[in-house]
Every structure is written in C-alpha cells, then in structure tokens.
Protein backbone atom coordinates (compact mmCIF):
# COMPACT_ATOMS: atom_id res chain seq x y z
CA UNK A 1 -44.87 39.02 -11.50
CA UNK A 2 -45.51 36.86 -8.43
CA UNK A 3 -47.78 33.93 -7.89
CA UNK A 4 -49.87 34.07 -4.69
CA UNK A 5 -50.01 30.92 -2.56
CA UNK A 6 -52.77 30.17 -0.12
CA UNK A 7 -51.90 27.86 2.76
CA UNK A 8 -54.09 26.07 5.25
CA UNK A 9 -53.47 24.18 8.46
CA UNK A 10 -52.34 20.58 7.95
CA UNK A 11 -54.97 18.01 8.78
CA UNK A 12 -52.43 15.26 9.57
CA UNK A 13 -49.31 15.64 11.73
CA UNK A 14 -46.19 14.39 9.95
CA UNK A 15 -43.31 12.71 11.74
CA UNK A 16 -40.26 14.95 12.10
CA UNK A 17 -37.84 15.15 9.13
CA UNK A 18 -40.35 13.63 6.72
CA UNK A 19 -40.63 15.93 3.72
CA UNK A 20 -43.52 16.31 1.33
CA UNK A 21 -44.11 18.33 -1.77
CA UNK A 22 -47.04 19.09 -3.93
CA UNK A 23 -47.39 20.62 -7.38
CA UNK A 24 -50.01 23.35 -7.31
CA UNK A 25 -51.79 25.12 -10.09
CA UNK A 26 -52.27 28.88 -10.12
CA UNK A 27 -54.57 30.02 -7.25
CA UNK A 28 -54.78 26.47 -5.85
CA UNK A 29 -54.56 25.99 -2.06
CA UNK A 30 -51.59 24.16 -0.55
CA UNK A 31 -52.54 20.91 1.24
CA UNK A 32 -50.05 21.62 4.06
CA UNK A 33 -48.21 24.47 5.72
CA UNK A 34 -44.71 25.11 4.42
CA UNK A 35 -42.59 26.80 1.81
CA UNK A 36 -43.68 26.90 -1.78
CA UNK A 37 -41.14 26.16 -4.52
CA UNK A 38 -41.62 26.34 -8.26
CA UNK A 39 -41.14 23.26 -10.47
CA UNK A 40 -37.45 24.01 -11.23
CA UNK A 41 -36.58 24.52 -7.54
CA UNK A 42 -38.42 21.32 -6.55
CA UNK A 43 -36.66 19.35 -9.28
CA UNK A 44 -33.33 20.77 -8.14
CA UNK A 45 -34.02 19.85 -4.50
CA UNK A 46 -35.12 16.35 -5.45
CA UNK A 47 -32.02 15.71 -7.53
CA UNK A 48 -29.47 17.22 -5.12
CA UNK A 49 -29.01 14.08 -2.95
CA UNK A 50 -28.39 11.94 -6.02
CA UNK A 51 -26.05 14.59 -7.45
CA UNK A 52 -24.00 14.81 -4.25
CA UNK A 53 -23.90 11.03 -3.94
CA UNK A 54 -22.58 10.68 -7.49
CA UNK A 55 -20.13 13.55 -6.96
CA UNK A 56 -18.87 11.85 -3.78
CA UNK A 57 -18.50 8.54 -5.65
CA UNK A 58 -16.58 10.25 -8.45
CA UNK A 59 -14.25 12.01 -5.98
CA UNK A 60 -13.76 8.84 -3.94
CA UNK A 61 -13.00 6.80 -7.05
CA UNK A 62 -10.56 9.44 -8.29
CA UNK A 63 -8.75 9.64 -4.94
CA UNK A 64 -8.62 5.86 -4.60
CA UNK A 65 -7.23 5.49 -8.12
CA UNK A 66 -4.67 8.20 -7.41
CA UNK A 67 -3.59 6.43 -4.20
CA UNK A 68 -3.45 3.09 -6.03
CA UNK A 69 -1.29 4.64 -8.75
CA UNK A 70 1.09 6.02 -6.11
CA UNK A 71 1.34 2.64 -4.39
CA UNK A 72 1.80 0.85 -7.71
CA UNK A 73 4.62 3.26 -8.56
CA UNK A 74 6.24 2.67 -5.16
CA UNK A 75 5.98 -1.12 -5.59
CA UNK A 76 7.44 -0.88 -9.09
CA UNK A 77 10.36 1.21 -7.81
CA UNK A 78 10.99 -1.33 -5.03
CA UNK A 79 10.86 -4.21 -7.53
CA UNK A 80 13.39 -2.43 -9.76
CA UNK A 81 15.63 -1.85 -6.74
CA UNK A 82 15.29 -5.52 -5.79
CA UNK A 83 16.27 -6.58 -9.33
CA UNK A 84 19.29 -4.25 -9.32
CA UNK A 85 20.43 -5.53 -5.91
CA UNK A 86 19.96 -9.12 -7.10
CA UNK A 87 22.12 -8.45 -10.17
CA UNK A 88 24.72 -6.71 -8.00
CA UNK A 89 24.77 -9.69 -5.63
CA UNK A 90 25.15 -12.17 -8.52
CA UNK A 91 27.98 -10.05 -9.97
CA UNK A 92 29.76 -9.94 -6.60
CA UNK A 93 29.46 -13.72 -6.18
CA UNK A 94 30.78 -14.25 -9.71
CA UNK A 95 33.76 -11.96 -9.00
CA UNK A 96 34.52 -13.80 -5.74
CA UNK A 97 34.30 -17.18 -7.50
CA UNK A 98 36.75 -15.96 -10.17
CA UNK A 99 39.06 -14.64 -7.46
CA UNK A 100 38.98 -18.00 -5.66
CA UNK A 101 39.77 -19.84 -8.90
CA UNK A 102 42.63 -17.44 -9.66
CA UNK A 103 44.09 -17.87 -6.16
CA UNK A 104 43.81 -21.67 -6.40
CA UNK A 105 45.62 -21.64 -9.76
CA UNK A 106 48.31 -19.33 -8.36
CA UNK A 107 48.76 -21.60 -5.34
CA UNK A 108 49.13 -24.64 -7.61
CA UNK A 109 51.74 -22.85 -9.72
CA UNK A 110 53.72 -21.71 -6.68
CA UNK A 111 53.60 -25.06 -4.88
CA UNK A 112 56.61 -27.35 -5.27
CA UNK A 113 56.57 -29.77 -8.16
CA UNK A 114 58.48 -32.59 -6.36
CA UNK A 115 56.90 -33.18 -2.97
CA UNK A 116 58.88 -36.42 -2.40
CA UNK A 117 62.17 -34.49 -2.61
CA UNK A 118 60.93 -32.06 0.01
CA UNK A 119 59.76 -34.95 2.18
CA UNK A 120 63.26 -36.48 2.12
CA UNK A 121 64.92 -33.11 2.80
CA UNK A 122 62.47 -32.48 5.65
CA UNK A 123 63.15 -35.94 7.11
CA UNK A 124 66.95 -35.45 6.98
CA UNK A 125 66.71 -31.99 8.58
CA UNK A 126 64.31 -33.30 11.23
CA UNK A 127 66.63 -36.22 12.07
CA UNK A 128 69.63 -33.89 12.23
CA UNK A 129 67.84 -31.48 14.57
CA UNK A 130 66.73 -34.39 16.77
CA UNK A 131 70.29 -35.77 17.03
CA UNK A 132 71.61 -32.27 17.82
CA UNK A 133 69.05 -31.81 20.58
CA UNK A 134 69.76 -35.24 22.09
CA UNK A 135 73.52 -34.56 22.03
CA UNK A 136 73.06 -31.15 23.60
CA UNK A 137 70.73 -32.41 26.33
CA UNK A 138 72.86 -35.49 26.97
CA UNK A 139 76.00 -33.47 27.84
C-alpha cells in the first residue's frame, strides 16, 4: 500500500542548505518541491543531529577519562618510584654515617694513648738526626 503525494512548485525560493518539512494528511498537496518522508522517518532525521552529538560527547568523555586514568597511573608509578629512591637514598646516607662513626671509633682506639711520650721521643730523634746531619755536612 503506497500513499500518493502531489507536489507543486515552491512559491518562495529558500536559501541554500535551509531545510523544511511539513506533515501532510492523506491526499494533501505538498507546499514545496522535495522528498516526502513519513512521520517516523522525519522524527528520525530530526533527532539524528542530537543523537550524534550525544554519542560524540559520550565517546569523547570516555576517551578523555581513559587517557586521564592512564596518566594518573603513570604519575602514581612515578611517585612510588620517587618514594623508593628517597628511602634508598636515606638508607645509603644512614649506612655511610654509621661507617664514618665506626671508622672514627677505630681510629681513636688505634691512636696512641700517651701523645706526650711520642712527642718527647720524636723530639729526641729529631735532635739526633739534626746533629748527625750537621756533623756529616761539617766534615
């Protein structure tokens, strides 16, 4: 079953790309030249721009959220790495400080207990070497 449509010449020229539609009853003449759509097709055509706009917004929001999640994950991984490196640095500094303290204690233990005795011995040896040099040079 088909519905006949009767068209007539338009009385007013429309600017290009300006669309119009009209709902016609059975056997009613169209007010302009064009293609006739039924109510469902017209409704579909009228809602398509809004549908595609919403679909684009949904896809854009999804992709942006996915990208944000990836960047958040990358930042979190870098923050964890920074924390681990900070702990490793603090541990290394602590080990070096303990090593310095241990070496200082070892040096104190190995140093001579009577420095005045060594000063006297050093003075006597120094005087003896000086006298020996003067005697050797003087001959």
